[in-house]
Amino acid sequence: MKTFTFFLTLCTALALHGCAALKVPERTEPANLLYIDGTVQGVSGNDVTILLKIPEFQKTPGSPISEIARQVARKSILIEGIKTDVDGKPALVKEIRGNTVRITMEKPSPYPVGSPLKLKIPKKTIAVVDFEVIKGKEKEIGRVTMEDLTSALIDSGQFIVVERSKLKSVMEELQLSQSGLTRETSDQVIGKLLLAELLLTGTLSAMRGDWNINLRLINVRTGQAVSAIAMKTNLFKPSELRETGQLNGDFEDFSLDPSWLALKMGRTFFFDADIDRTTGAEGSKRSMRIDFNLMEGQKPRMARIENRKKRDLTLHDGIEFYAKATEKLRVTATILTSHPDDPNKMDGWMGVATADKEWEKIRIPFDKMVIARGWIKGGASSFGAQPGDQVLRLNRVESILIGVHPSLNASEIKGSVWLDKIRFYSD
């Protein structure tokens, strides 16, 4: 409730100042959504009352996100205070009630009652605010839904979407000005920032496998809710559900998290991964230890630990962990991503760092990872997969591997490496 009240306060303040348009490239609108038909119901001076024929926006079967975007576009075709034109003549939308709209023309209207006309559907600037999960364990669902919906609104061609970073700066600066922690007043903050005409916010609530979605579309000029969108749906298909939260890589529990695979590979000694109960990073007493004796060109190609939980890592910027080794060597973090149309087509993305004899924190950004050529040549087949199209899809991570490669060190390497406190990070 406090969050919603704050947005209404923000909107009321914005009504005093108007809204500036964002300077972003225009998108070509679909021809059937450029105009809306109407019939004149009444004329009074420059004011014209029109009964609109609301068009049907094509539904996307089985896609809740697309359906929400469709409803947002349909319910915000026209909003009070926005400029439009009627048959090419400038007009301002003054009042909307259901399918009836009252507009003000610049000159007295030449339209008799009953005559047909066309109103242009203006492109609106919209900001999508974080959706709050008020019930349910998957708190990240709110941000995932928001990001997917933002993309769908852009693709609709009906909106200019305020950048998330711009919106965040607006909210932070306005809150500081209202608290008195900055010399700038709320008026000064609002006056210098680019703002939206519409705000979309709301809540998500998990209910027995489904999600109750309650959204509000707020007119920034008036501070009033234009419309409500309520749905009950499986936001994502079972095959699309992926872990979006944090990785448990402390190894402090007595039993290893089932998503981790601590492997021993080779009839003769190649590598053996297991919990070490005598040492850990930052003063802890447990970590993952990998003992290895590898030669380049022989299988296995990597001594590693592996986490095979399917993940969506779009909310994270990279992976971090602590590492040390019996001697200075290169360690790698690899993520395997799959193709949405064929999960058996996968790509291996690798980042490299250096471990030494003392514990050291390592950070590897996802956007710095590169295609592992060894994966293309033969690594994919060892996982029963085929090489993919070399597109980094962080929303389709099939596996995470951390370990050492002989090809990145000496032709033959023997020793141990310890790993601890494996986490995803977001800057």
Foldseek 3Di string as FASTA:
>chain_A
DVVLVVLLVQLQVCLVPDFDDDPDDADDAPPVLFKWKWFWADFDFQKTKTQTDQDQDDDDPPAPLLVVLRVVCSLVQDDAQDWKAKVPFTWGWHDDDPRMTMIGGPGGDPDDGGDMIMIGRAAFEEEEDFAAAPADDQRCVRVVSSVSNQVSNVVNSRYHYDDPVLVVVLVVVLVCQVVVVDPDHNNRSSNPGGDGQKYKYYYWYDDPQKIWTWIFIAGSNNSDTSDIDTDIGNNDDPVLDFAADKDPFAQPDPDDDVQKDQDADDPPHAKGKDWQQQDDPPPHRIWIKMWGKDAPPDPPQWGKMKGFGWHQHPQFFWKKWKKAWPAKDKKKKWWWFADPVDRLAIWIWIDIDIHGHDIDMDIDTPVPTATDVVCQVPVSVVVVGHHHDRDDRSSTTRMMIMGHGCVRPPSIDGTMMIIRDMITHHD
